[in-house]
Amino acid sequence: MKPAEVTQKISEQLSSMRKSERKVAEFILANPDEIIHMRIVDLATEAQVSEPTVVRFCRAVGCSGFQEFKLNLAQQLASSPSFGQIAVTETDTIAEYKRKVFDSTVDTLLNVRDKIDARALEAAVTAMSAARRVEFFGFGASGAVATDAQHKFFRLQLATAAHSDHHMQNMSAMSMQPGDVVVAISQSGRTKALLRSMGMAREQGATVIGLGPSGSPVARQANIPLEVDVEEDIEIYTPLSSRIAHLVVIDVLAIGVAQRKGPQLQDHLLKLKQGLYTLREDKH
């Protein structure tokens, strides 16, 4: 088991655990920093279970025993201090899961910031800045990211569109020309319809930027992969942090393109901003 998967594994198996093992799991999720300094007898006492129950719990999440579990948890906390705090339990108050969601999102953004390839970002900004046309493809939650991206980039004096219907994606891809850009967005990196559209766009000579997990089919299919790896339990909860991470990467690309276009674009953006003032109520 990879260290970063410890709390993920606990969260995934929480509902299927025995009542006694679940007590151990919930105590660990609520007190991850304390666990690494505990003996097995301490954890058993705090969770109000027997020591054999703690051992069974550790084996249930893929560890040979309590020492290996503590080692994996310590490695996880060292590399990602707040990641383990996202797992929401049935007993959480709104204050507790509010903190978990915010902490997890902040932690995710910092990890993506540090790991995303700056050269790939540079290549993507270069391609988008020179493009005649930039279109964003995505389904579901990624479709919402695509729409947000189109809203940002049309203001940068680019011909843009966003498509979350696979028929429209295919037609758009088939009408691409060399120099055009498609940004394919996927939180799983494995959506078959999206992969087909990406392939069509490449066949027409377009540059395809893939925003998805590293090593995923979307990343492999792209001319320029922007790899974003986010650990979250998508089987239980709607993806949270990955969507936010993708939105922030889109913001980075928009800033890069705006910077490349220089002072002339700044004048254009100022006119757009001034035009919006007539749509707003005066301050009182």
C-alpha atoms as a PDB file:
ATOM      1  CA  MET A   1       0.000   0.000   0.000  1.00  0.00           C
ATOM      2  CA  LYS A   2       1.238   3.501  -0.831  1.00  0.00           C
ATOM      3  CA  PRO A   3       1.430   5.756   2.248  1.00  0.00           C
ATOM      4  CA  ALA A   4      -0.974   8.270   0.715  1.00  0.00           C
ATOM      5  CA  GLU A   5      -3.627   5.544   0.481  1.00  0.00           C
ATOM      6  CA  VAL A   6      -3.925   4.777   4.212  1.00  0.00           C
ATOM      7  CA  THR A   7      -6.785   7.106   5.101  1.00  0.00           C
ATOM      8  CA  GLN A   8      -8.319   6.605   1.667  1.00  0.00           C
ATOM      9  CA  LYS A   9      -8.490   2.865   2.355  1.00  0.00           C
ATOM     10  CA  ILE A  10     -10.063   3.469   5.758  1.00  0.00           C
ATOM     11  CA  SER A  11     -12.673   5.794   4.259  1.00  0.00           C
ATOM     12  CA  GLU A  12     -13.539   3.301   1.524  1.00  0.00           C
ATOM     13  CA  GLN A  13     -14.029   0.399   3.957  1.00  0.00           C
ATOM     14  CA  LEU A  14     -15.654   2.286   6.824  1.00  0.00           C
ATOM     15  CA  SER A  15     -19.238   1.301   6.018  1.00  0.00           C
ATOM     16  CA  SER A  16     -18.396  -2.411   5.673  1.00  0.00           C
ATOM     17  CA  MET A  17     -16.321  -2.759   8.849  1.00  0.00           C
ATOM     18  CA  ARG A  18     -17.468  -4.557  11.970  1.00  0.00           C
ATOM     19  CA  LYS A  19     -18.785  -2.265  14.681  1.00  0.00           C
ATOM     20  CA  SER A  20     -15.653  -2.673  16.820  1.00  0.00           C
ATOM     21  CA  GLU A  21     -13.259  -2.083  13.908  1.00  0.00           C
ATOM     22  CA  ARG A  22     -15.298   0.948  12.886  1.00  0.00           C
ATOM     23  CA  LYS A  23     -14.681   2.459  16.334  1.00  0.00           C
ATOM     24  CA  VAL A  24     -10.942   2.115  15.703  1.00  0.00           C
ATOM     25  CA  ALA A  25     -11.284   3.662  12.233  1.00  0.00           C
ATOM     26  CA  GLU A  26     -13.283   6.655  13.434  1.00  0.00           C
ATOM     27  CA  PHE A  27     -10.842   7.357  16.270  1.00  0.00           C
ATOM     28  CA  ILE A  28      -7.897   7.254  13.828  1.00  0.00           C
ATOM     29  CA  LEU A  29      -9.599   9.548  11.316  1.00  0.00           C
ATOM     30  CA  ALA A  30     -10.374  12.039  14.064  1.00  0.00           C
ATOM     31  CA  ASN A  31      -6.872  11.902  15.637  1.00  0.00           C
ATOM     32  CA  PRO A  32      -4.316  10.986  12.928  1.00  0.00           C
ATOM     33  CA  ASP A  33      -1.438  12.943  14.474  1.00  0.00           C
ATOM     34  CA  GLU A  34      -1.830  11.233  17.857  1.00  0.00           C
ATOM     35  CA  ILE A  35      -1.895   7.685  16.485  1.00  0.00           C
ATOM     36  CA  ILE A  36       1.741   7.636  15.359  1.00  0.00           C
ATOM     37  CA  HIS A  37       2.868   8.148  18.978  1.00  0.00           C
ATOM     38  CA  MET A  38       0.573   5.511  20.479  1.00  0.00           C
ATOM     39  CA  ARG A  39       1.148   1.906  21.473  1.00  0.00           C
ATOM     40  CA  ILE A  40      -1.422  -0.658  20.429  1.00  0.00           C
ATOM     41  CA  VAL A  41      -2.704  -0.840  23.985  1.00  0.00           C
ATOM     42  CA  ASP A  42      -3.196   2.949  24.007  1.00  0.00           C
ATOM     43  CA  LEU A  43      -5.255   2.888  20.812  1.00  0.00           C
ATOM     44  CA  ALA A  44      -7.322  -0.049  22.057  1.00  0.00           C
ATOM     45  CA  THR A  45      -8.070   1.825  25.271  1.00  0.00           C
ATOM     46  CA  GLU A  46      -8.997   5.080  23.532  1.00  0.00           C
ATOM     47  CA  ALA A  47     -11.233   3.336  20.991  1.00  0.00           C
ATOM     48  CA  GLN A  48     -12.724   1.108  23.709  1.00  0.00           C
ATOM     49  CA  VAL A  49     -11.883  -2.135  21.888  1.00  0.00           C
ATOM     50  CA  SER A  50      -9.525  -5.086  22.406  1.00  0.00           C
ATOM     51  CA  GLU A  51      -5.969  -5.237  21.073  1.00  0.00           C
ATOM     52  CA  PRO A  52      -6.843  -8.096  18.662  1.00  0.00           C
ATOM     53  CA  THR A  53      -9.516  -5.813  17.192  1.00  0.00           C
ATOM     54  CA  VAL A  54      -6.849  -3.208  16.422  1.00  0.00           C
ATOM     55  CA  VAL A  55      -4.758  -5.886  14.690  1.00  0.00           C
ATOM     56  CA  ARG A  56      -7.782  -7.034  12.642  1.00  0.00           C
ATOM     57  CA  PHE A  57      -8.438  -3.431  11.665  1.00  0.00           C
ATOM     58  CA  CYS A  58      -4.834  -2.955  10.476  1.00  0.00           C
ATOM     59  CA  ARG A  59      -5.033  -6.102   8.353  1.00  0.00           C
ATOM     60  CA  ALA A  60      -8.381  -5.012   6.929  1.00  0.00           C
ATOM     61  CA  VAL A  61      -6.738  -1.894   5.489  1.00  0.00           C
ATOM     62  CA  GLY A  62      -3.805  -3.792   4.001  1.00  0.00           C
ATOM     63  CA  CYS A  63      -1.159  -3.665   6.740  1.00  0.00           C
ATOM     64  CA  SER A  64       0.508  -6.643   8.403  1.00  0.00           C
ATOM     65  CA  GLY A  65       0.069  -5.135  11.855  1.00  0.00           C
ATOM     66  CA  PHE A  66      -0.051  -1.988  13.959  1.00  0.00           C
ATOM     67  CA  GLN A  67       3.603  -1.023  13.452  1.00  0.00           C
ATOM     68  CA  GLU A  68       3.327  -1.097   9.663  1.00  0.00           C
ATOM     69  CA  PHE A  69       0.083   0.852   9.877  1.00  0.00           C
ATOM     70  CA  LYS A  70       1.738   3.540  12.026  1.00  0.00           C
ATOM     71  CA  LEU A  71       4.691   3.764   9.625  1.00  0.00           C
ATOM     72  CA  ASN A  72       2.433   4.243   6.603  1.00  0.00           C
ATOM     73  CA  LEU A  73       0.335   6.822   8.434  1.00  0.00           C
ATOM     74  CA  ALA A  74       3.450   8.730   9.556  1.00  0.00           C
ATOM     75  CA  GLN A  75       4.758   8.818   5.981  1.00  0.00           C
ATOM     76  CA  GLN A  76       1.421  10.093   4.753  1.00  0.00           C
ATOM     77  CA  LEU A  77       1.222  12.850   7.345  1.00  0.00           C
ATOM     78  CA  ALA A  78       4.797  13.914   6.592  1.00  0.00           C
ATOM     79  CA  SER A  79       4.102  14.296   2.869  1.00  0.00           C
ATOM     80  CA  SER A  80       0.559  15.625   3.148  1.00  0.00           C
ATOM     81  CA  PRO A  81      -0.298  16.830   6.670  1.00  0.00           C
ATOM     82  CA  SER A  82      -4.013  17.469   6.213  1.00  0.00           C
ATOM     83  CA  PHE A  83      -4.893  14.831   3.642  1.00  0.00           C
ATOM     84  CA  GLY A  84      -5.992  12.250   6.171  1.00  0.00           C
ATOM     85  CA  GLN A  85      -8.460  14.668   7.723  1.00  0.00           C
ATOM     86  CA  ILE A  86     -10.869  14.667   4.769  1.00  0.00           C
ATOM     87  CA  ALA A  87     -12.565  11.337   5.499  1.00  0.00           C
ATOM     88  CA  VAL A  88     -16.023  12.336   6.709  1.00  0.00           C
ATOM     89  CA  THR A  89     -17.794  10.086   9.169  1.00  0.00           C
ATOM     90  CA  GLU A  90     -21.484   9.827  10.031  1.00  0.00           C
ATOM     91  CA  THR A  91     -20.883  11.384  13.432  1.00  0.00           C
ATOM     92  CA  ASP A  92     -19.140  14.539  12.141  1.00  0.00           C
ATOM     93  CA  THR A  93     -20.690  17.866  13.031  1.00  0.00           C
ATOM     94  CA  ILE A  94     -20.968  20.582  10.387  1.00  0.00           C
ATOM     95  CA  ALA A  95     -17.984  22.324  12.009  1.00  0.00           C
ATOM     96  CA  GLU A  96     -15.901  19.158  11.666  1.00  0.00           C
ATOM     97  CA  TYR A  97     -16.667  18.363   8.040  1.00  0.00           C
ATOM     98  CA  LYS A  98     -16.407  22.042   7.119  1.00  0.00           C
ATOM     99  CA  ARG A  99     -12.828  22.001   8.407  1.00  0.00           C
ATOM    100  CA  LYS A 100     -12.078  18.697   6.686  1.00  0.00           C
ATOM    101  CA  VAL A 101     -13.291  19.890   3.287  1.00  0.00           C
ATOM    102  CA  PHE A 102     -11.420  23.208   3.491  1.00  0.00           C
ATOM    103  CA  ASP A 103      -8.214  21.615   4.814  1.00  0.00           C
ATOM    104  CA  SER A 104      -8.275  18.889   2.183  1.00  0.00           C
ATOM    105  CA  THR A 105      -8.802  21.382  -0.646  1.00  0.00           C
ATOM    106  CA  VAL A 106      -5.973  23.646   0.504  1.00  0.00           C
ATOM    107  CA  ASP A 107      -3.679  20.645   0.866  1.00  0.00           C
ATOM    108  CA  THR A 108      -4.629  19.373  -2.594  1.00  0.00           C
ATOM    109  CA  LEU A 109      -3.909  22.725  -4.220  1.00  0.00           C
ATOM    110  CA  LEU A 110      -0.485  22.953  -2.584  1.00  0.00           C
ATOM    111  CA  ASN A 111       0.402  19.432  -3.725  1.00  0.00           C
ATOM    112  CA  VAL A 112      -0.737  20.105  -7.298  1.00  0.00           C
ATOM    113  CA  ARG A 113       1.134  23.412  -7.318  1.00  0.00           C
ATOM    114  CA  ASP A 114       4.375  21.707  -6.328  1.00  0.00           C
ATOM    115  CA  LYS A 115       4.052  18.696  -8.638  1.00  0.00           C
ATOM    116  CA  ILE A 116       2.574  19.979 -11.908  1.00  0.00           C
ATOM    117  CA  ASP A 117       5.159  20.219 -14.697  1.00  0.00           C
ATOM    118  CA  ALA A 118       6.056  23.869 -15.363  1.00  0.00           C
ATOM    119  CA  ARG A 119       7.388  22.976 -18.821  1.00  0.00           C
ATOM    120  CA  ALA A 120       4.055  21.427 -19.755  1.00  0.00           C
ATOM    121  CA  LEU A 121       2.261  24.561 -18.527  1.00  0.00           C
ATOM    122  CA  GLU A 122       4.614  26.693 -20.632  1.00  0.00           C
ATOM    123  CA  ALA A 123       3.942  24.554 -23.702  1.00  0.00           C
ATOM    124  CA  ALA A 124       0.185  24.791 -23.137  1.00  0.00           C
ATOM    125  CA  VAL A 125       0.287  28.582 -22.752  1.00  0.00           C
ATOM    126  CA  THR A 126       2.369  28.878 -25.945  1.00  0.00           C
ATOM    127  CA  ALA A 127      -0.069  26.723 -27.929  1.00  0.00           C
ATOM    128  CA  MET A 128      -3.149  28.536 -26.626  1.00  0.00           C
ATOM    129  CA  SER A 129      -1.663  32.003 -27.156  1.00  0.00           C
ATOM    130  CA  ALA A 130      -0.993  31.253 -30.833  1.00  0.00           C
ATOM    131  CA  ALA A 131      -4.259  29.406 -31.494  1.00  0.00           C
ATOM    132  CA  ARG A 132      -6.956  30.580 -33.862  1.00  0.00           C
ATOM    133  CA  ARG A 133      -9.487  28.623 -31.860  1.00  0.00           C
ATOM    134  CA  VAL A 134      -9.496  27.003 -28.390  1.00  0.00           C
ATOM    135  CA  GLU A 135     -12.222  24.565 -27.329  1.00  0.00           C
ATOM    136  CA  PHE A 136     -12.774  22.846 -23.993  1.00  0.00           C
ATOM    137  CA  PHE A 137     -14.164  19.306 -23.689  1.00  0.00           C
ATOM    138  CA  GLY A 138     -15.430  17.646 -20.507  1.00  0.00           C
ATOM    139  CA  PHE A 139     -18.287  15.568 -19.096  1.00  0.00           C
ATOM    140  CA  GLY A 140     -20.142  15.849 -15.793  1.00  0.00           C
ATOM    141  CA  ALA A 141     -18.204  17.863 -13.213  1.00  0.00           C
ATOM    142  CA  SER A 142     -15.443  18.308 -15.788  1.00  0.00           C
ATOM    143  CA  GLY A 143     -18.045  19.808 -18.122  1.00  0.00           C
ATOM    144  CA  ALA A 144     -18.591  22.537 -15.532  1.00  0.00           C
ATOM    145  CA  VAL A 145     -14.834  23.184 -15.513  1.00  0.00           C
ATOM    146  CA  ALA A 146     -14.890  23.387 -19.329  1.00  0.00           C
ATOM    147  CA  THR A 147     -17.693  25.977 -19.190  1.00  0.00           C
ATOM    148  CA  ASP A 148     -15.775  28.024 -16.647  1.00  0.00           C
ATOM    149  CA  ALA A 149     -12.673  27.858 -18.855  1.00  0.00           C
ATOM    150  CA  GLN A 150     -14.612  29.063 -21.895  1.00  0.00           C
ATOM    151  CA  HIS A 151     -15.926  31.972 -19.844  1.00  0.00           C
ATOM    152  CA  LYS A 152     -12.373  32.978 -18.913  1.00  0.00           C
ATOM    153  CA  PHE A 153     -10.741  32.536 -22.303  1.00  0.00           C
ATOM    154  CA  PHE A 154     -13.311  34.210 -24.539  1.00  0.00           C
ATOM    155  CA  ARG A 155     -12.388  37.468 -22.798  1.00  0.00           C
ATOM    156  CA  LEU A 156      -8.792  36.998 -23.979  1.00  0.00           C
ATOM    157  CA  GLN A 157      -9.769  37.683 -27.603  1.00  0.00           C
ATOM    158  CA  LEU A 158      -9.765  34.010 -28.564  1.00  0.00           C
ATOM    159  CA  ALA A 159     -12.487  32.112 -30.407  1.00  0.00           C
ATOM    160  CA  THR A 160     -13.617  29.661 -27.721  1.00  0.00           C
ATOM    161  CA  ALA A 161     -16.323  27.118 -26.997  1.00  0.00           C
ATOM    162  CA  ALA A 162     -17.085  24.475 -24.358  1.00  0.00           C
ATOM    163  CA  HIS A 163     -18.751  21.136 -25.120  1.00  0.00           C
ATOM    164  CA  SER A 164     -20.085  18.544 -22.662  1.00  0.00           C
ATOM    165  CA  ASP A 165     -22.102  16.550 -25.214  1.00  0.00           C
ATOM    166  CA  HIS A 166     -20.150  13.813 -27.022  1.00  0.00           C
ATOM    167  CA  HIS A 167     -21.858  14.478 -30.372  1.00  0.00           C
ATOM    168  CA  MET A 168     -20.860  18.147 -30.215  1.00  0.00           C
ATOM    169  CA  GLN A 169     -17.346  17.198 -29.139  1.00  0.00           C
ATOM    170  CA  ASN A 170     -16.967  14.877 -32.116  1.00  0.00           C
ATOM    171  CA  MET A 171     -18.258  17.449 -34.596  1.00  0.00           C
ATOM    172  CA  SER A 172     -16.041  20.119 -33.106  1.00  0.00           C
ATOM    173  CA  ALA A 173     -13.015  17.805 -33.201  1.00  0.00           C
ATOM    174  CA  MET A 174     -13.633  16.941 -36.862  1.00  0.00           C
ATOM    175  CA  SER A 175     -13.710  20.641 -37.773  1.00  0.00           C
ATOM    176  CA  MET A 176     -10.360  21.405 -36.160  1.00  0.00           C
ATOM    177  CA  GLN A 177      -7.379  22.606 -38.172  1.00  0.00           C
ATOM    178  CA  PRO A 178      -3.624  22.691 -37.505  1.00  0.00           C
ATOM    179  CA  GLY A 179      -2.923  25.365 -34.917  1.00  0.00           C
ATOM    180  CA  ASP A 180      -6.280  24.961 -33.183  1.00  0.00           C
ATOM    181  CA  VAL A 181      -6.274  23.726 -29.587  1.00  0.00           C
ATOM    182  CA  VAL A 182      -8.533  21.331 -27.676  1.00  0.00           C
ATOM    183  CA  VAL A 183      -8.299  21.207 -23.875  1.00  0.00           C
ATOM    184  CA  ALA A 184      -9.696  17.845 -22.716  1.00  0.00           C
ATOM    185  CA  ILE A 185     -10.592  17.791 -19.011  1.00  0.00           C
ATOM    186  CA  SER A 186     -11.203  14.608 -17.026  1.00  0.00           C
ATOM    187  CA  GLN A 187     -11.043  13.849 -13.313  1.00  0.00           C
ATOM    188  CA  SER A 188     -10.779  10.112 -13.945  1.00  0.00           C
ATOM    189  CA  GLY A 189      -8.687  10.377 -17.115  1.00  0.00           C
ATOM    190  CA  ARG A 190     -10.529   7.376 -18.578  1.00  0.00           C
ATOM    191  CA  THR A 191     -13.726   8.641 -20.227  1.00  0.00           C
ATOM    192  CA  LYS A 192     -14.046   6.722 -23.504  1.00  0.00           C
ATOM    193  CA  ALA A 193     -16.092   9.332 -25.377  1.00  0.00           C
ATOM    194  CA  LEU A 194     -13.593  12.033 -24.460  1.00  0.00           C
ATOM    195  CA  LEU A 195     -10.692   9.888 -25.647  1.00  0.00           C
ATOM    196  CA  ARG A 196     -12.408   9.372 -29.014  1.00  0.00           C
ATOM    197  CA  SER A 197     -12.885  13.121 -29.446  1.00  0.00           C
ATOM    198  CA  MET A 198      -9.265  13.751 -28.535  1.00  0.00           C
ATOM    199  CA  GLY A 199      -8.157  11.252 -31.171  1.00  0.00           C
ATOM    200  CA  MET A 200     -10.309  12.914 -33.824  1.00  0.00           C
ATOM    201  CA  ALA A 201      -8.906  16.352 -33.002  1.00  0.00           C
ATOM    202  CA  ARG A 202      -5.343  15.063 -33.276  1.00  0.00           C
ATOM    203  CA  GLU A 203      -6.104  13.474 -36.640  1.00  0.00           C
ATOM    204  CA  GLN A 204      -7.160  16.914 -37.904  1.00  0.00           C
ATOM    205  CA  GLY A 205      -3.835  18.392 -36.785  1.00  0.00           C
ATOM    206  CA  ALA A 206      -5.063  20.185 -33.657  1.00  0.00           C
ATOM    207  CA  THR A 207      -2.954  20.388 -30.511  1.00  0.00           C
ATOM    208  CA  VAL A 208      -4.630  18.495 -27.669  1.00  0.00           C
ATOM    209  CA  ILE A 209      -3.960  19.494 -24.070  1.00  0.00           C
ATOM    210  CA  GLY A 210      -5.045  16.816 -21.589  1.00  0.00           C
ATOM    211  CA  LEU A 211      -5.920  17.807 -18.033  1.00  0.00           C
ATOM    212  CA  GLY A 212      -6.150  14.620 -15.941  1.00  0.00           C
ATOM    213  CA  PRO A 213      -4.303  12.156 -13.688  1.00  0.00           C
ATOM    214  CA  SER A 214      -0.718  11.207 -14.515  1.00  0.00           C
ATOM    215  CA  GLY A 215      -0.348   8.073 -16.601  1.00  0.00           C
ATOM    216  CA  SER A 216      -4.065   8.030 -17.440  1.00  0.00           C
ATOM    217  CA  PRO A 217      -5.329   7.461 -21.006  1.00  0.00           C
ATOM    218  CA  VAL A 218      -6.220  11.162 -21.278  1.00  0.00           C
ATOM    219  CA  ALA A 219      -2.663  12.147 -20.318  1.00  0.00           C
ATOM    220  CA  ARG A 220      -1.179   9.621 -22.763  1.00  0.00           C
ATOM    221  CA  GLN A 221      -3.465  10.676 -25.621  1.00  0.00           C
ATOM    222  CA  ALA A 222      -2.618  14.394 -25.271  1.00  0.00           C
ATOM    223  CA  ASN A 223       0.098  16.274 -27.141  1.00  0.00           C
ATOM    224  CA  ILE A 224       0.592  18.267 -23.954  1.00  0.00           C
ATOM    225  CA  PRO A 225      -0.381  16.442 -20.733  1.00  0.00           C
ATOM    226  CA  LEU A 226      -1.111  18.582 -17.676  1.00  0.00           C
ATOM    227  CA  GLU A 227      -1.043  15.923 -14.980  1.00  0.00           C
ATOM    228  CA  VAL A 228      -3.100  16.584 -11.864  1.00  0.00           C
ATOM    229  CA  ASP A 229      -3.165  13.847  -9.219  1.00  0.00           C
ATOM    230  CA  VAL A 230      -5.737  14.137  -6.460  1.00  0.00           C
ATOM    231  CA  GLU A 231      -6.539  11.459  -3.864  1.00  0.00           C
ATOM    232  CA  GLU A 232     -10.243  11.391  -3.031  1.00  0.00           C
ATOM    233  CA  ASP A 233     -13.021   8.872  -2.566  1.00  0.00           C
ATOM    234  CA  ILE A 234     -15.055   9.322  -5.759  1.00  0.00           C
ATOM    235  CA  GLU A 235     -17.076   6.174  -5.023  1.00  0.00           C
ATOM    236  CA  ILE A 236     -18.795   7.797  -2.031  1.00  0.00           C
ATOM    237  CA  TYR A 237     -18.633  11.554  -2.480  1.00  0.00           C
ATOM    238  CA  THR A 238     -18.839  13.758  -5.549  1.00  0.00           C
ATOM    239  CA  PRO A 239     -15.262  14.716  -6.499  1.00  0.00           C
ATOM    240  CA  LEU A 240     -14.430  17.833  -4.531  1.00  0.00           C
ATOM    241  CA  SER A 241     -10.760  18.764  -4.569  1.00  0.00           C
ATOM    242  CA  SER A 242      -9.997  17.542  -8.101  1.00  0.00           C
ATOM    243  CA  ARG A 243     -12.579  19.907  -9.573  1.00  0.00           C
ATOM    244  CA  ILE A 244     -11.103  22.844  -7.654  1.00  0.00           C
ATOM    245  CA  ALA A 245      -7.574  21.858  -8.728  1.00  0.00           C
ATOM    246  CA  HIS A 246      -8.623  21.766 -12.385  1.00  0.00           C
ATOM    247  CA  LEU A 247     -10.243  25.198 -12.071  1.00  0.00           C
ATOM    248  CA  VAL A 248      -7.031  26.630 -10.616  1.00  0.00           C
ATOM    249  CA  VAL A 249      -4.908  25.101 -13.407  1.00  0.00           C
ATOM    250  CA  ILE A 250      -7.280  26.761 -15.907  1.00  0.00           C
ATOM    251  CA  ASP A 251      -6.688  30.064 -14.067  1.00  0.00           C
ATOM    252  CA  VAL A 252      -2.916  29.589 -14.409  1.00  0.00           C
ATOM    253  CA  LEU A 253      -3.282  29.022 -18.157  1.00  0.00           C
ATOM    254  CA  ALA A 254      -5.524  32.090 -18.511  1.00  0.00           C
ATOM    255  CA  ILE A 255      -3.020  34.273 -16.685  1.00  0.00           C
ATOM    256  CA  GLY A 256      -0.235  32.918 -18.898  1.00  0.00           C
ATOM    257  CA  VAL A 257      -2.138  33.673 -22.110  1.00  0.00           C
ATOM    258  CA  ALA A 258      -3.119  37.145 -20.882  1.00  0.00           C
ATOM    259  CA  GLN A 259       0.513  37.889 -20.054  1.00  0.00           C
ATOM    260  CA  ARG A 260       1.630  36.801 -23.540  1.00  0.00           C
ATOM    261  CA  LYS A 261      -0.898  39.057 -25.247  1.00  0.00           C
ATOM    262  CA  GLY A 262       0.439  42.125 -23.441  1.00  0.00           C
ATOM    263  CA  PRO A 263      -0.851  45.712 -23.025  1.00  0.00           C
ATOM    264  CA  GLN A 264      -3.330  45.558 -25.925  1.00  0.00           C
ATOM    265  CA  LEU A 265      -5.297  42.858 -24.140  1.00  0.00           C
ATOM    266  CA  GLN A 266      -5.234  44.860 -20.916  1.00  0.00           C
ATOM    267  CA  ASP A 267      -7.016  47.711 -22.689  1.00  0.00           C
ATOM    268  CA  HIS A 268      -9.616  45.249 -23.984  1.00  0.00           C
ATOM    269  CA  LEU A 269     -10.193  43.757 -20.517  1.00  0.00           C
ATOM    270  CA  LEU A 270     -10.576  47.228 -19.031  1.00  0.00           C
ATOM    271  CA  LYS A 271     -13.313  48.037 -21.585  1.00  0.00           C
ATOM    272  CA  LEU A 272     -15.119  44.790 -20.698  1.00  0.00           C
ATOM    273  CA  LYS A 273     -14.971  45.651 -17.012  1.00  0.00           C
ATOM    274  CA  GLN A 274     -16.285  49.141 -17.602  1.00  0.00           C
ATOM    275  CA  GLY A 275     -19.116  47.739 -19.703  1.00  0.00           C
ATOM    276  CA  LEU A 276     -20.245  45.552 -16.794  1.00  0.00           C
ATOM    277  CA  TYR A 277     -20.685  48.522 -14.474  1.00  0.00           C
ATOM    278  CA  THR A 278     -24.007  49.432 -16.172  1.00  0.00           C
ATOM    279  CA  LEU A 279     -25.396  46.017 -15.114  1.00  0.00           C
ATOM    280  CA  ARG A 280     -24.764  46.566 -11.420  1.00  0.00           C
ATOM    281  CA  GLU A 281     -26.684  48.360  -8.723  1.00  0.00           C
ATOM    282  CA  ASP A 282     -25.078  51.478  -7.337  1.00  0.00           C
ATOM    283  CA  LYS A 283     -23.536  51.178  -3.882  1.00  0.00           C
ATOM    284  CA  HIS A 284     -25.614  52.727  -1.147  1.00  0.00           C
END
